[in-house]
Amino acid sequence: MLEVAGLDGVAEHAYRMLLRMPTATGAELAEQLGTSVAEATTLLLALESQGMASPVSGPPPRYRATPPDLALGPLVQSREQELQEIRARIAQLTDEYRSRTALRGAGEFIELVHGAKAIAQRVDQLQRSARKEVRGLVKPPVVAVSAEDNEVEFQALAVGVRYRVIYDRQLLMLNGDPYMVTHAAQQGEEARIAVDLPLKLAIADDDLALVPVAQAQSDGEPSAVLVHPSGLLDALAALFETLWASSTPLLIGANGELDEDRTSDEPTPGDMRLLSLLLAGLTDQSIAAQLGLSTRTVQRRLHDLIKITGVRTRVQLIWQATKRGWI
């Protein structure tokens, strides 16, 4: 683990052992490591040269481990400085690239990506490049990256990148949640539902977009268009925002399931998800499949909510739920 500090595995083991001891001579460290006194003394001298240990006055020669924050702090600062310089260089190169492409033809703003492997690589790069937000439109079929393979999203969510995704209602009717909508929402993704999305789309910040296109090649491999900053990218971002504003929020309970127990007149997280699916136009059977419940249970929960709100029909229930801020 400390190779970056210039220590091999043996030296790191010696440092860890020295951390457990107030001070140590070569003989005392050799006893703990199971090595010769000469080897242990050589390790102590190596640790001293790396700033990982310091001598203690008085015979025989003894050494004390340098606290890790003092020993490794300068290294961390150095690495952070290097990363800042790399980021600054990337920003400079990006500015140069954009200034040059601005003088070229419109074809320079788009890039054709062919083949599932190449598309998957671009999807990975797009998500890793995002610093603030990734926006997406998702509809079947899978082109290059399945939900199970998209671990990058969860890594990005963990470091604070916002994900807003609109799912086509069609995929919510599939059994077993193959697009892992529930899991993604539980990890922090903001999900909504829309009917008949016009295309698939992924946008990283306002810098890059990827649009899969129909399989038109003779080899049957899919293709996609990578869009760089341009009027076209602005249009794609505006399209997403328009669809987002008109789509239905998808609410997921803490356990991803509908809570059947009622202890108050307030809806559970599962109830709110049920209502959002109902508002999206799913049938009782499709809602039941999404929630992992029976159709009869879904119908009973809807009946309970109708009674709680004091209405008679599902249309009135949706109106009341919206009015009360449940959806």
C-alpha atoms as a PDB file:
ATOM      1  CA  MET A   1       0.000   0.000   0.000  1.00  0.00           C
ATOM      2  CA  LEU A   2       2.916   2.356   0.704  1.00  0.00           C
ATOM      3  CA  GLU A   3       4.761   1.746  -2.550  1.00  0.00           C
ATOM      4  CA  VAL A   4       4.071   5.369  -3.471  1.00  0.00           C
ATOM      5  CA  ALA A   5       6.164   6.365  -0.444  1.00  0.00           C
ATOM      6  CA  GLY A   6       9.076   4.346  -1.765  1.00  0.00           C
ATOM      7  CA  LEU A   7       8.606   1.388   0.557  1.00  0.00           C
ATOM      8  CA  ASP A   8       8.472  -2.203  -0.586  1.00  0.00           C
ATOM      9  CA  GLY A   9       6.405  -4.817   1.204  1.00  0.00           C
ATOM     10  CA  VAL A  10       9.184  -5.754   3.651  1.00  0.00           C
ATOM     11  CA  ALA A  11       9.880  -2.146   4.611  1.00  0.00           C
ATOM     12  CA  GLU A  12       6.185  -1.415   5.041  1.00  0.00           C
ATOM     13  CA  HIS A  13       5.852  -4.426   7.340  1.00  0.00           C
ATOM     14  CA  ALA A  14       8.785  -3.156   9.379  1.00  0.00           C
ATOM     15  CA  TYR A  15       7.217   0.306   9.636  1.00  0.00           C
ATOM     16  CA  ARG A  16       3.894  -1.134  10.760  1.00  0.00           C
ATOM     17  CA  MET A  17       5.677  -3.199  13.389  1.00  0.00           C
ATOM     18  CA  LEU A  18       7.651  -0.182  14.571  1.00  0.00           C
ATOM     19  CA  LEU A  19       4.400   1.767  14.986  1.00  0.00           C
ATOM     20  CA  ARG A  20       3.351  -0.781  17.629  1.00  0.00           C
ATOM     21  CA  MET A  21       6.541  -0.314  19.651  1.00  0.00           C
ATOM     22  CA  PRO A  22       7.532   2.755  21.700  1.00  0.00           C
ATOM     23  CA  THR A  23      11.083   2.492  20.375  1.00  0.00           C
ATOM     24  CA  ALA A  24      13.161  -0.365  19.001  1.00  0.00           C
ATOM     25  CA  THR A  25      16.747  -1.359  18.429  1.00  0.00           C
ATOM     26  CA  GLY A  26      17.799  -3.466  15.500  1.00  0.00           C
ATOM     27  CA  ALA A  27      17.779  -6.534  17.726  1.00  0.00           C
ATOM     28  CA  GLU A  28      14.300  -5.829  19.118  1.00  0.00           C
ATOM     29  CA  LEU A  29      12.833  -5.234  15.688  1.00  0.00           C
ATOM     30  CA  ALA A  30      14.567  -8.350  14.354  1.00  0.00           C
ATOM     31  CA  GLU A  31      12.885 -10.399  17.048  1.00  0.00           C
ATOM     32  CA  GLN A  32       9.449  -9.087  16.079  1.00  0.00           C
ATOM     33  CA  LEU A  33      10.046  -9.543  12.339  1.00  0.00           C
ATOM     34  CA  GLY A  34      11.762 -12.880  12.573  1.00  0.00           C
ATOM     35  CA  THR A  35      14.806 -11.628  10.656  1.00  0.00           C
ATOM     36  CA  SER A  36      18.482 -11.152  11.413  1.00  0.00           C
ATOM     37  CA  VAL A  37      19.717  -8.145  13.356  1.00  0.00           C
ATOM     38  CA  ALA A  38      21.613  -6.927  10.295  1.00  0.00           C
ATOM     39  CA  GLU A  39      18.478  -7.050   8.121  1.00  0.00           C
ATOM     40  CA  ALA A  40      16.395  -5.258  10.773  1.00  0.00           C
ATOM     41  CA  THR A  41      19.086  -2.573  11.187  1.00  0.00           C
ATOM     42  CA  THR A  42      19.170  -2.049   7.417  1.00  0.00           C
ATOM     43  CA  LEU A  43      15.385  -1.645   7.418  1.00  0.00           C
ATOM     44  CA  LEU A  44      15.570   0.923  10.227  1.00  0.00           C
ATOM     45  CA  LEU A  45      18.138   2.935   8.292  1.00  0.00           C
ATOM     46  CA  ALA A  46      15.962   2.759   5.173  1.00  0.00           C
ATOM     47  CA  LEU A  47      12.945   3.961   7.140  1.00  0.00           C
ATOM     48  CA  GLU A  48      15.005   6.814   8.552  1.00  0.00           C
ATOM     49  CA  SER A  49      16.108   7.857   5.062  1.00  0.00           C
ATOM     50  CA  GLN A  50      12.447   7.938   3.955  1.00  0.00           C
ATOM     51  CA  GLY A  51      11.418  10.012   6.969  1.00  0.00           C
ATOM     52  CA  MET A  52       9.402   7.112   8.368  1.00  0.00           C
ATOM     53  CA  ALA A  53      11.531   6.694  11.510  1.00  0.00           C
ATOM     54  CA  SER A  54      13.768   8.882  13.634  1.00  0.00           C
ATOM     55  CA  PRO A  55      16.683   7.969  15.938  1.00  0.00           C
ATOM     56  CA  VAL A  56      16.376   8.252  19.703  1.00  0.00           C
ATOM     57  CA  SER A  57      19.368   9.640  21.602  1.00  0.00           C
ATOM     58  CA  GLY A  58      21.520   7.340  23.694  1.00  0.00           C
ATOM     59  CA  PRO A  59      23.089   3.917  23.222  1.00  0.00           C
ATOM     60  CA  PRO A  60      22.317   1.462  21.889  1.00  0.00           C
ATOM     61  CA  PRO A  61      20.913   3.020  18.669  1.00  0.00           C
ATOM     62  CA  ARG A  62      17.140   3.087  18.921  1.00  0.00           C
ATOM     63  CA  TYR A  63      14.453   4.294  16.560  1.00  0.00           C
ATOM     64  CA  ARG A  64      10.926   5.583  16.910  1.00  0.00           C
ATOM     65  CA  ALA A  65       8.296   5.439  14.137  1.00  0.00           C
ATOM     66  CA  THR A  66       7.341   8.794  12.675  1.00  0.00           C
ATOM     67  CA  PRO A  67       3.566   9.354  13.035  1.00  0.00           C
ATOM     68  CA  PRO A  68       1.852   8.473   9.725  1.00  0.00           C
ATOM     69  CA  ASP A  69       0.317  11.926   9.278  1.00  0.00           C
ATOM     70  CA  LEU A  70       3.754  13.529   9.563  1.00  0.00           C
ATOM     71  CA  ALA A  71       5.514  10.887   7.511  1.00  0.00           C
ATOM     72  CA  LEU A  72       2.999  10.751   4.677  1.00  0.00           C
ATOM     73  CA  GLY A  73       1.508  14.239   4.850  1.00  0.00           C
ATOM     74  CA  PRO A  74       4.116  15.867   2.566  1.00  0.00           C
ATOM     75  CA  LEU A  75       3.678  13.021   0.078  1.00  0.00           C
ATOM     76  CA  VAL A  76      -0.091  13.548   0.024  1.00  0.00           C
ATOM     77  CA  GLN A  77       0.363  17.281  -0.512  1.00  0.00           C
ATOM     78  CA  SER A  78       2.825  16.596  -3.308  1.00  0.00           C
ATOM     79  CA  ARG A  79       0.410  14.216  -5.031  1.00  0.00           C
ATOM     80  CA  GLU A  80      -2.433  16.715  -4.643  1.00  0.00           C
ATOM     81  CA  GLN A  81      -0.280  19.399  -6.217  1.00  0.00           C
ATOM     82  CA  GLU A  82       0.510  17.061  -9.113  1.00  0.00           C
ATOM     83  CA  LEU A  83      -3.198  16.332  -9.605  1.00  0.00           C
ATOM     84  CA  GLN A  84      -4.003  20.054  -9.600  1.00  0.00           C
ATOM     85  CA  GLU A  85      -1.352  20.620 -12.236  1.00  0.00           C
ATOM     86  CA  ILE A  86      -2.751  17.771 -14.327  1.00  0.00           C
ATOM     87  CA  ARG A  87      -6.279  19.188 -14.061  1.00  0.00           C
ATOM     88  CA  ALA A  88      -5.024  22.629 -15.053  1.00  0.00           C
ATOM     89  CA  ARG A  89      -3.229  21.129 -18.036  1.00  0.00           C
ATOM     90  CA  ILE A  90      -6.344  19.214 -19.079  1.00  0.00           C
ATOM     91  CA  ALA A  91      -8.404  22.414 -18.853  1.00  0.00           C
ATOM     92  CA  GLN A  92      -5.836  24.232 -20.979  1.00  0.00           C
ATOM     93  CA  LEU A  93      -5.795  21.494 -23.609  1.00  0.00           C
ATOM     94  CA  THR A  94      -9.606  21.403 -23.620  1.00  0.00           C
ATOM     95  CA  ASP A  95      -9.767  25.154 -24.205  1.00  0.00           C
ATOM     96  CA  GLU A  96      -7.282  24.804 -27.068  1.00  0.00           C
ATOM     97  CA  TYR A  97      -9.307  21.965 -28.554  1.00  0.00           C
ATOM     98  CA  ARG A  98     -12.562  23.912 -28.360  1.00  0.00           C
ATOM     99  CA  SER A  99     -11.037  27.080 -29.793  1.00  0.00           C
ATOM    100  CA  ARG A 100      -9.738  25.145 -32.773  1.00  0.00           C
ATOM    101  CA  THR A 101     -12.907  23.162 -33.396  1.00  0.00           C
ATOM    102  CA  ALA A 102     -14.869  26.417 -33.327  1.00  0.00           C
ATOM    103  CA  LEU A 103     -13.050  27.377 -36.515  1.00  0.00           C
ATOM    104  CA  ARG A 104     -13.764  24.089 -38.263  1.00  0.00           C
ATOM    105  CA  GLY A 105     -16.808  22.633 -39.944  1.00  0.00           C
ATOM    106  CA  ALA A 106     -19.896  21.417 -38.156  1.00  0.00           C
ATOM    107  CA  GLY A 107     -18.717  17.830 -38.579  1.00  0.00           C
ATOM    108  CA  GLU A 108     -16.041  18.446 -35.949  1.00  0.00           C
ATOM    109  CA  PHE A 109     -18.685  18.828 -33.253  1.00  0.00           C
ATOM    110  CA  ILE A 110     -19.866  15.243 -33.590  1.00  0.00           C
ATOM    111  CA  GLU A 111     -18.024  11.948 -33.587  1.00  0.00           C
ATOM    112  CA  LEU A 112     -19.373   8.626 -34.791  1.00  0.00           C
ATOM    113  CA  VAL A 113     -18.674   5.751 -32.411  1.00  0.00           C
ATOM    114  CA  HIS A 114     -19.167   2.283 -33.866  1.00  0.00           C
ATOM    115  CA  GLY A 115     -19.367  -1.025 -32.066  1.00  0.00           C
ATOM    116  CA  ALA A 116     -20.684  -2.075 -28.654  1.00  0.00           C
ATOM    117  CA  LYS A 117     -17.197  -2.155 -27.104  1.00  0.00           C
ATOM    118  CA  ALA A 118     -16.341   1.368 -28.292  1.00  0.00           C
ATOM    119  CA  ILE A 119     -19.715   2.707 -27.122  1.00  0.00           C
ATOM    120  CA  ALA A 120     -19.273   1.107 -23.693  1.00  0.00           C
ATOM    121  CA  GLN A 121     -15.871   2.776 -23.403  1.00  0.00           C
ATOM    122  CA  ARG A 122     -17.367   6.150 -24.298  1.00  0.00           C
ATOM    123  CA  VAL A 123     -20.184   5.713 -21.767  1.00  0.00           C
ATOM    124  CA  ASP A 124     -17.584   4.979 -19.106  1.00  0.00           C
ATOM    125  CA  GLN A 125     -15.494   8.018 -20.085  1.00  0.00           C
ATOM    126  CA  LEU A 126     -18.535  10.277 -20.213  1.00  0.00           C
ATOM    127  CA  GLN A 127     -19.592   9.385 -16.676  1.00  0.00           C
ATOM    128  CA  ARG A 128     -16.071   9.615 -15.266  1.00  0.00           C
ATOM    129  CA  SER A 129     -15.631  13.061 -16.826  1.00  0.00           C
ATOM    130  CA  ALA A 130     -18.720  14.490 -15.096  1.00  0.00           C
ATOM    131  CA  ARG A 131     -17.986  16.751 -12.154  1.00  0.00           C
ATOM    132  CA  LYS A 132     -21.499  17.976 -11.345  1.00  0.00           C
ATOM    133  CA  GLU A 133     -24.233  16.031 -13.099  1.00  0.00           C
ATOM    134  CA  VAL A 134     -25.109  13.242 -15.504  1.00  0.00           C
ATOM    135  CA  ARG A 135     -28.486  13.356 -17.252  1.00  0.00           C
ATOM    136  CA  GLY A 136     -29.944  10.408 -19.094  1.00  0.00           C
ATOM    137  CA  LEU A 137     -32.867   9.117 -21.110  1.00  0.00           C
ATOM    138  CA  VAL A 138     -33.226   5.345 -20.872  1.00  0.00           C
ATOM    139  CA  LYS A 139     -35.363   3.122 -23.054  1.00  0.00           C
ATOM    140  CA  PRO A 140     -35.009  -0.476 -24.294  1.00  0.00           C
ATOM    141  CA  PRO A 141     -33.146  -2.234 -25.765  1.00  0.00           C
ATOM    142  CA  VAL A 142     -29.688  -2.240 -24.146  1.00  0.00           C
ATOM    143  CA  VAL A 143     -27.099  -1.081 -26.687  1.00  0.00           C
ATOM    144  CA  ALA A 144     -23.712  -1.514 -25.018  1.00  0.00           C
ATOM    145  CA  VAL A 145     -23.837  -1.202 -21.213  1.00  0.00           C
ATOM    146  CA  SER A 146     -26.362  -3.040 -19.052  1.00  0.00           C
ATOM    147  CA  ALA A 147     -27.497  -1.735 -15.692  1.00  0.00           C
ATOM    148  CA  GLU A 148     -25.550  -4.514 -13.958  1.00  0.00           C
ATOM    149  CA  ASP A 149     -22.335  -3.437 -15.687  1.00  0.00           C
ATOM    150  CA  ASN A 150     -22.701   0.276 -14.976  1.00  0.00           C
ATOM    151  CA  GLU A 151     -20.817   0.393 -11.669  1.00  0.00           C
ATOM    152  CA  VAL A 152     -19.381   3.784 -12.654  1.00  0.00           C
ATOM    153  CA  GLU A 153     -22.701   5.449 -11.854  1.00  0.00           C
ATOM    154  CA  PHE A 154     -22.664   4.255  -8.256  1.00  0.00           C
ATOM    155  CA  GLN A 155     -19.038   5.348  -7.862  1.00  0.00           C
ATOM    156  CA  ALA A 156     -19.927   8.795  -9.198  1.00  0.00           C
ATOM    157  CA  LEU A 157     -22.975   9.071  -6.951  1.00  0.00           C
ATOM    158  CA  ALA A 158     -20.776   8.214  -3.971  1.00  0.00           C
ATOM    159  CA  VAL A 159     -18.541  11.235  -4.628  1.00  0.00           C
ATOM    160  CA  GLY A 160     -21.420  13.668  -5.093  1.00  0.00           C
ATOM    161  CA  VAL A 161     -22.156  13.631  -8.824  1.00  0.00           C
ATOM    162  CA  ARG A 162     -25.882  14.166  -9.378  1.00  0.00           C
ATOM    163  CA  TYR A 163     -27.747  11.737 -11.634  1.00  0.00           C
ATOM    164  CA  ARG A 164     -31.112  12.622 -13.170  1.00  0.00           C
ATOM    165  CA  VAL A 165     -32.568   9.844 -15.298  1.00  0.00           C
ATOM    166  CA  ILE A 166     -35.866   9.570 -17.148  1.00  0.00           C
ATOM    167  CA  TYR A 167     -37.022   6.020 -17.824  1.00  0.00           C
ATOM    168  CA  ASP A 168     -39.423   5.039 -20.558  1.00  0.00           C
ATOM    169  CA  ARG A 169     -42.593   3.604 -19.053  1.00  0.00           C
ATOM    170  CA  GLN A 170     -42.189   0.542 -21.276  1.00  0.00           C
ATOM    171  CA  LEU A 171     -39.193  -0.780 -19.364  1.00  0.00           C
ATOM    172  CA  LEU A 172     -41.019  -0.536 -16.046  1.00  0.00           C
ATOM    173  CA  MET A 173     -43.424  -3.149 -17.347  1.00  0.00           C
ATOM    174  CA  LEU A 174     -40.613  -5.698 -17.642  1.00  0.00           C
ATOM    175  CA  ASN A 175     -40.466  -8.398 -14.980  1.00  0.00           C
ATOM    176  CA  GLY A 176     -37.693  -8.402 -12.445  1.00  0.00           C
ATOM    177  CA  ASP A 177     -36.574  -4.772 -12.842  1.00  0.00           C
ATOM    178  CA  PRO A 178     -33.728  -5.632 -15.293  1.00  0.00           C
ATOM    179  CA  TYR A 179     -32.752  -1.971 -15.557  1.00  0.00           C
ATOM    180  CA  MET A 180     -32.209  -1.867 -11.772  1.00  0.00           C
ATOM    181  CA  VAL A 181     -34.333   1.255 -11.401  1.00  0.00           C
ATOM    182  CA  THR A 182     -35.048   0.586  -7.729  1.00  0.00           C
ATOM    183  CA  HIS A 183     -31.403  -0.073  -6.854  1.00  0.00           C
ATOM    184  CA  ALA A 184     -30.219   3.063  -8.661  1.00  0.00           C
ATOM    185  CA  ALA A 185     -32.801   5.201  -6.846  1.00  0.00           C
ATOM    186  CA  GLN A 186     -31.720   3.741  -3.525  1.00  0.00           C
ATOM    187  CA  GLN A 187     -28.146   4.790  -4.316  1.00  0.00           C
ATOM    188  CA  GLY A 188     -29.234   8.400  -4.860  1.00  0.00           C
ATOM    189  CA  GLU A 189     -30.285   8.578  -8.494  1.00  0.00           C
ATOM    190  CA  GLU A 190     -33.224  10.911  -9.178  1.00  0.00           C
ATOM    191  CA  ALA A 191     -35.587   8.969 -11.425  1.00  0.00           C
ATOM    192  CA  ARG A 192     -38.691   9.932 -13.395  1.00  0.00           C
ATOM    193  CA  ILE A 193     -40.997   8.173 -15.832  1.00  0.00           C
ATOM    194  CA  ALA A 194     -42.142   9.322 -19.251  1.00  0.00           C
ATOM    195  CA  VAL A 195     -44.139   7.756 -22.054  1.00  0.00           C
ATOM    196  CA  ASP A 196     -42.483   7.009 -25.418  1.00  0.00           C
ATOM    197  CA  LEU A 197     -39.126   8.695 -24.986  1.00  0.00           C
ATOM    198  CA  PRO A 198     -37.897   9.877 -28.403  1.00  0.00           C
ATOM    199  CA  LEU A 199     -34.301   8.656 -27.997  1.00  0.00           C
ATOM    200  CA  LYS A 200     -31.627   7.366 -25.673  1.00  0.00           C
ATOM    201  CA  LEU A 201     -29.280   9.977 -24.302  1.00  0.00           C
ATOM    202  CA  ALA A 202     -26.498  10.590 -21.807  1.00  0.00           C
ATOM    203  CA  ILE A 203     -25.132  14.053 -21.013  1.00  0.00           C
ATOM    204  CA  ALA A 204     -22.140  14.828 -18.789  1.00  0.00           C
ATOM    205  CA  ASP A 205     -22.439  18.338 -17.326  1.00  0.00           C
ATOM    206  CA  ASP A 206     -22.767  20.630 -20.359  1.00  0.00           C
ATOM    207  CA  ASP A 207     -19.659  19.245 -22.002  1.00  0.00           C
ATOM    208  CA  LEU A 208     -20.477  15.983 -23.747  1.00  0.00           C
ATOM    209  CA  ALA A 209     -23.454  13.929 -24.903  1.00  0.00           C
ATOM    210  CA  LEU A 210     -23.818  10.426 -26.308  1.00  0.00           C
ATOM    211  CA  VAL A 211     -26.783   9.463 -28.472  1.00  0.00           C
ATOM    212  CA  PRO A 212     -27.132   5.799 -29.550  1.00  0.00           C
ATOM    213  CA  VAL A 213     -28.552   5.385 -33.056  1.00  0.00           C
ATOM    214  CA  ALA A 214     -30.220   2.526 -34.895  1.00  0.00           C
ATOM    215  CA  GLN A 215     -28.150  -0.427 -36.057  1.00  0.00           C
ATOM    216  CA  ALA A 216     -27.595   0.541 -39.657  1.00  0.00           C
ATOM    217  CA  GLN A 217     -24.297  -1.215 -40.345  1.00  0.00           C
ATOM    218  CA  SER A 218     -24.053  -4.492 -42.237  1.00  0.00           C
ATOM    219  CA  ASP A 219     -22.120  -6.077 -39.368  1.00  0.00           C
ATOM    220  CA  GLY A 220     -25.059  -5.555 -37.014  1.00  0.00           C
ATOM    221  CA  GLU A 221     -22.935  -3.593 -34.542  1.00  0.00           C
ATOM    222  CA  PRO A 222     -24.623  -0.577 -32.890  1.00  0.00           C
ATOM    223  CA  SER A 223     -23.457   2.973 -33.425  1.00  0.00           C
ATOM    224  CA  ALA A 224     -23.676   6.171 -31.424  1.00  0.00           C
ATOM    225  CA  VAL A 225     -22.979   9.846 -31.910  1.00  0.00           C
ATOM    226  CA  LEU A 226     -20.722  11.696 -29.490  1.00  0.00           C
ATOM    227  CA  VAL A 227     -21.646  15.375 -29.356  1.00  0.00           C
ATOM    228  CA  HIS A 228     -19.161  18.022 -28.235  1.00  0.00           C
ATOM    229  CA  PRO A 229     -20.079  21.563 -27.045  1.00  0.00           C
ATOM    230  CA  SER A 230     -22.217  23.102 -29.765  1.00  0.00           C
ATOM    231  CA  GLY A 231     -25.714  24.232 -30.575  1.00  0.00           C
ATOM    232  CA  LEU A 232     -26.662  20.583 -30.981  1.00  0.00           C
ATOM    233  CA  LEU A 233     -25.507  19.779 -27.443  1.00  0.00           C
ATOM    234  CA  ASP A 234     -27.482  22.757 -26.141  1.00  0.00           C
ATOM    235  CA  ALA A 235     -30.563  21.452 -27.950  1.00  0.00           C
ATOM    236  CA  LEU A 236     -30.157  17.983 -26.431  1.00  0.00           C
ATOM    237  CA  ALA A 237     -29.828  19.492 -22.964  1.00  0.00           C
ATOM    238  CA  ALA A 238     -32.951  21.599 -23.543  1.00  0.00           C
ATOM    239  CA  LEU A 239     -34.829  18.508 -24.722  1.00  0.00           C
ATOM    240  CA  PHE A 240     -33.890  16.673 -21.546  1.00  0.00           C
ATOM    241  CA  GLU A 241     -35.034  19.547 -19.327  1.00  0.00           C
ATOM    242  CA  THR A 242     -38.358  19.760 -21.155  1.00  0.00           C
ATOM    243  CA  LEU A 243     -38.945  16.040 -20.723  1.00  0.00           C
ATOM    244  CA  TRP A 244     -37.842  16.200 -17.084  1.00  0.00           C
ATOM    245  CA  ALA A 245     -40.340  18.943 -16.305  1.00  0.00           C
ATOM    246  CA  SER A 246     -43.220  16.930 -17.775  1.00  0.00           C
ATOM    247  CA  SER A 247     -42.252  13.473 -16.484  1.00  0.00           C
ATOM    248  CA  THR A 248     -43.455  11.746 -13.334  1.00  0.00           C
ATOM    249  CA  PRO A 249     -41.179  11.423 -10.269  1.00  0.00           C
ATOM    250  CA  LEU A 250     -40.493   7.838  -9.277  1.00  0.00           C
ATOM    251  CA  LEU A 251     -40.508   7.422  -5.491  1.00  0.00           C
ATOM    252  CA  ILE A 252     -38.821   4.391  -3.947  1.00  0.00           C
ATOM    253  CA  GLY A 253     -39.305   3.151  -0.415  1.00  0.00           C
ATOM    254  CA  ALA A 254     -36.290   2.542   1.811  1.00  0.00           C
ATOM    255  CA  ASN A 255     -36.499  -1.200   1.135  1.00  0.00           C
ATOM    256  CA  GLY A 256     -37.659  -0.866  -2.448  1.00  0.00           C
ATOM    257  CA  GLU A 257     -40.999  -2.468  -1.594  1.00  0.00           C
ATOM    258  CA  LEU A 258     -44.507  -1.354  -0.740  1.00  0.00           C
ATOM    259  CA  ASP A 259     -45.157  -1.214   2.981  1.00  0.00           C
ATOM    260  CA  GLU A 260     -48.516  -2.878   3.617  1.00  0.00           C
ATOM    261  CA  ASP A 261     -48.728  -1.937   7.317  1.00  0.00           C
ATOM    262  CA  ARG A 262     -50.691   1.266   8.021  1.00  0.00           C
ATOM    263  CA  THR A 263     -50.034   3.045  11.288  1.00  0.00           C
ATOM    264  CA  SER A 264     -51.280   6.516  10.323  1.00  0.00           C
ATOM    265  CA  ASP A 265     -53.073   8.467   7.646  1.00  0.00           C
ATOM    266  CA  GLU A 266     -49.758   9.502   6.096  1.00  0.00           C
ATOM    267  CA  PRO A 267     -48.568   7.515   3.079  1.00  0.00           C
ATOM    268  CA  THR A 268     -45.535   5.265   3.385  1.00  0.00           C
ATOM    269  CA  PRO A 269     -42.636   5.549   0.926  1.00  0.00           C
ATOM    270  CA  GLY A 270     -44.045   2.452  -0.747  1.00  0.00           C
ATOM    271  CA  ASP A 271     -47.435   4.134  -1.111  1.00  0.00           C
ATOM    272  CA  MET A 272     -45.808   7.122  -2.786  1.00  0.00           C
ATOM    273  CA  ARG A 273     -44.028   4.883  -5.243  1.00  0.00           C
ATOM    274  CA  LEU A 274     -47.312   3.119  -5.992  1.00  0.00           C
ATOM    275  CA  LEU A 275     -48.983   6.477  -6.659  1.00  0.00           C
ATOM    276  CA  SER A 276     -46.152   7.639  -8.914  1.00  0.00           C
ATOM    277  CA  LEU A 277     -46.430   4.442 -10.966  1.00  0.00           C
ATOM    278  CA  LEU A 278     -50.197   4.866 -11.168  1.00  0.00           C
ATOM    279  CA  LEU A 279     -49.765   8.464 -12.320  1.00  0.00           C
ATOM    280  CA  ALA A 280     -47.321   7.248 -14.984  1.00  0.00           C
ATOM    281  CA  GLY A 281     -50.133   5.147 -16.469  1.00  0.00           C
ATOM    282  CA  LEU A 282     -49.026   1.639 -15.477  1.00  0.00           C
ATOM    283  CA  THR A 283     -51.653  -1.035 -15.079  1.00  0.00           C
ATOM    284  CA  ASP A 284     -52.278  -2.755 -11.749  1.00  0.00           C
ATOM    285  CA  GLN A 285     -50.441  -5.825 -13.044  1.00  0.00           C
ATOM    286  CA  SER A 286     -47.392  -3.780 -14.087  1.00  0.00           C
ATOM    287  CA  ILE A 287     -47.350  -1.923 -10.778  1.00  0.00           C
ATOM    288  CA  ALA A 288     -47.509  -5.229  -8.913  1.00  0.00           C
ATOM    289  CA  ALA A 289     -44.563  -6.567 -10.941  1.00  0.00           C
ATOM    290  CA  GLN A 290     -42.496  -3.475 -10.172  1.00  0.00           C
ATOM    291  CA  LEU A 291     -43.240  -3.621  -6.453  1.00  0.00           C
ATOM    292  CA  GLY A 292     -42.922  -7.389  -6.124  1.00  0.00           C
ATOM    293  CA  LEU A 293     -46.488  -7.729  -4.876  1.00  0.00           C
ATOM    294  CA  SER A 294     -49.642  -9.419  -5.993  1.00  0.00           C
ATOM    295  CA  THR A 295     -52.155  -7.512  -8.077  1.00  0.00           C
ATOM    296  CA  ARG A 296     -54.702  -8.003  -5.311  1.00  0.00           C
ATOM    297  CA  THR A 297     -52.379  -6.345  -2.763  1.00  0.00           C
ATOM    298  CA  VAL A 298     -51.881  -3.355  -5.029  1.00  0.00           C
ATOM    299  CA  GLN A 299     -55.621  -2.971  -5.495  1.00  0.00           C
ATOM    300  CA  ARG A 300     -56.181  -3.214  -1.734  1.00  0.00           C
ATOM    301  CA  ARG A 301     -53.571  -0.529  -1.042  1.00  0.00           C
ATOM    302  CA  LEU A 302     -55.181   1.765  -3.615  1.00  0.00           C
ATOM    303  CA  HIS A 303     -58.554   1.164  -1.972  1.00  0.00           C
ATOM    304  CA  ASP A 304     -57.051   2.105   1.425  1.00  0.00           C
ATOM    305  CA  LEU A 305     -55.597   5.319   0.018  1.00  0.00           C
ATOM    306  CA  ILE A 306     -58.928   6.211  -1.563  1.00  0.00           C
ATOM    307  CA  LYS A 307     -60.593   5.789   1.831  1.00  0.00           C
ATOM    308  CA  ILE A 308     -57.917   7.867   3.584  1.00  0.00           C
ATOM    309  CA  THR A 309     -58.318  10.767   1.168  1.00  0.00           C
ATOM    310  CA  GLY A 310     -62.106  10.572   1.218  1.00  0.00           C
ATOM    311  CA  VAL A 311     -62.516  10.332  -2.552  1.00  0.00           C
ATOM    312  CA  ARG A 312     -64.266   7.834  -4.797  1.00  0.00           C
ATOM    313  CA  THR A 313     -62.141   7.316  -7.890  1.00  0.00           C
ATOM    314  CA  ARG A 314     -58.484   6.849  -8.771  1.00  0.00           C
ATOM    315  CA  VAL A 315     -58.460  10.098 -10.722  1.00  0.00           C
ATOM    316  CA  GLN A 316     -59.635  11.917  -7.599  1.00  0.00           C
ATOM    317  CA  LEU A 317     -57.001  10.027  -5.578  1.00  0.00           C
ATOM    318  CA  ILE A 318     -54.217  11.279  -7.844  1.00  0.00           C
ATOM    319  CA  TRP A 319     -55.562  14.813  -7.571  1.00  0.00           C
ATOM    320  CA  GLN A 320     -55.670  14.606  -3.775  1.00  0.00           C
ATOM    321  CA  ALA A 321     -52.205  13.025  -3.599  1.00  0.00           C
ATOM    322  CA  THR A 322     -50.786  15.865  -5.692  1.00  0.00           C
ATOM    323  CA  LYS A 323     -52.602  18.480  -3.645  1.00  0.00           C
ATOM    324  CA  ARG A 324     -51.243  17.006  -0.401  1.00  0.00           C
ATOM    325  CA  GLY A 325     -47.693  16.881  -1.764  1.00  0.00           C
ATOM    326  CA  TRP A 326     -47.444  13.096  -1.750  1.00  0.00           C
ATOM    327  CA  ILE A 327     -46.287  13.008  -5.379  1.00  0.00           C
END
